[in-house]
Amino acid sequence: MSDLGYFSILTAFIISIYVIAVPLIGVRHDRRELIASAERGVEVLFFLISMASFALLYLFLVRDFQN
């Protein structure tokens, strides 16, 4: 379960870089599809961070303090 949280956070970090960079490129080149893609990326970030938080909460409740 801790691996799930770890990979969720790692994937969220990579997607957050995408979400920061792509709208800037979209605005600069006037491409609305890039801006819309970044907006959907924010929703993915919400899901990934929520999943990592629930994994952390679960591990806390079952008292799994390894790693």
Protein backbone atom coordinates (compact mmCIF):
# COMPACT_ATOMS: atom_id res chain seq x y z
CA MET A 1 0.00 0.00 0.00
CA SER A 2 2.88 2.36 0.66
CA ASP A 3 4.11 1.70 -2.88
CA LEU A 4 0.75 2.87 -4.21
CA GLY A 5 1.12 6.16 -2.35
CA TYR A 6 4.71 6.56 -3.46
CA PHE A 7 3.97 6.05 -7.14
CA SER A 8 0.88 8.26 -6.91
CA ILE A 9 2.97 11.12 -5.55
CA LEU A 10 5.74 10.51 -8.09
CA THR A 11 3.25 10.49 -10.98
CA ALA A 12 1.53 13.58 -9.57
CA PHE A 13 4.88 15.40 -9.51
CA ILE A 14 5.54 14.59 -13.16
CA ILE A 15 2.02 15.62 -14.19
CA SER A 16 2.30 18.84 -12.18
CA ILE A 17 5.33 19.82 -14.25
CA TYR A 18 3.23 19.16 -17.35
CA VAL A 19 0.32 21.19 -15.94
CA ILE A 20 2.63 24.14 -15.30
CA ALA A 21 4.47 24.10 -18.63
CA VAL A 22 1.75 23.25 -21.16
CA PRO A 23 -0.60 26.22 -20.51
CA LEU A 24 2.32 28.61 -20.90
CA ILE A 25 3.11 27.08 -24.27
CA GLY A 26 -0.58 27.10 -25.18
CA VAL A 27 -0.96 30.79 -24.36
CA ARG A 28 2.22 31.71 -26.19
CA HIS A 29 1.19 29.87 -29.38
CA ASP A 30 -2.57 30.51 -29.00
CA ARG A 31 -3.51 26.81 -28.87
CA ARG A 32 -6.63 26.22 -26.83
CA GLU A 33 -6.31 22.42 -26.90
CA LEU A 34 -3.11 22.66 -24.84
CA ILE A 35 -4.83 24.84 -22.27
CA ALA A 36 -7.76 22.41 -22.09
CA SER A 37 -5.32 19.53 -21.70
CA ALA A 38 -3.74 21.22 -18.71
CA GLU A 39 -7.17 21.77 -17.16
CA ARG A 40 -7.84 18.03 -17.40
CA GLY A 41 -4.39 17.46 -15.92
CA VAL A 42 -5.47 19.29 -12.77
CA GLU A 43 -8.30 16.80 -12.37
CA VAL A 44 -5.82 13.93 -12.69
CA LEU A 45 -3.64 15.59 -10.06
CA PHE A 46 -6.60 15.76 -7.70
CA PHE A 47 -7.25 12.04 -8.18
CA LEU A 48 -3.59 11.04 -7.69
CA ILE A 49 -3.06 13.16 -4.59
CA SER A 50 -6.35 11.93 -3.12
CA MET A 51 -5.30 8.34 -3.75
CA ALA A 52 -1.94 8.93 -2.04
CA SER A 53 -3.67 10.61 0.91
CA PHE A 54 -6.10 7.74 1.34
CA ALA A 55 -3.22 5.26 1.21
CA LEU A 56 -1.40 7.24 3.89
CA LEU A 57 -4.53 7.41 6.04
CA TYR A 58 -5.13 3.67 5.65
CA LEU A 59 -1.56 2.85 6.64
CA PHE A 60 -1.88 5.12 9.67
CA LEU A 61 -5.13 3.47 10.76
CA VAL A 62 -3.72 -0.07 10.50
CA ARG A 63 -0.56 1.12 12.27
CA ASP A 64 1.80 0.15 9.46
CA PHE A 65 4.81 2.36 10.19
CA GLN A 66 7.35 0.50 8.06
CA ASN A 67 9.53 2.33 5.54
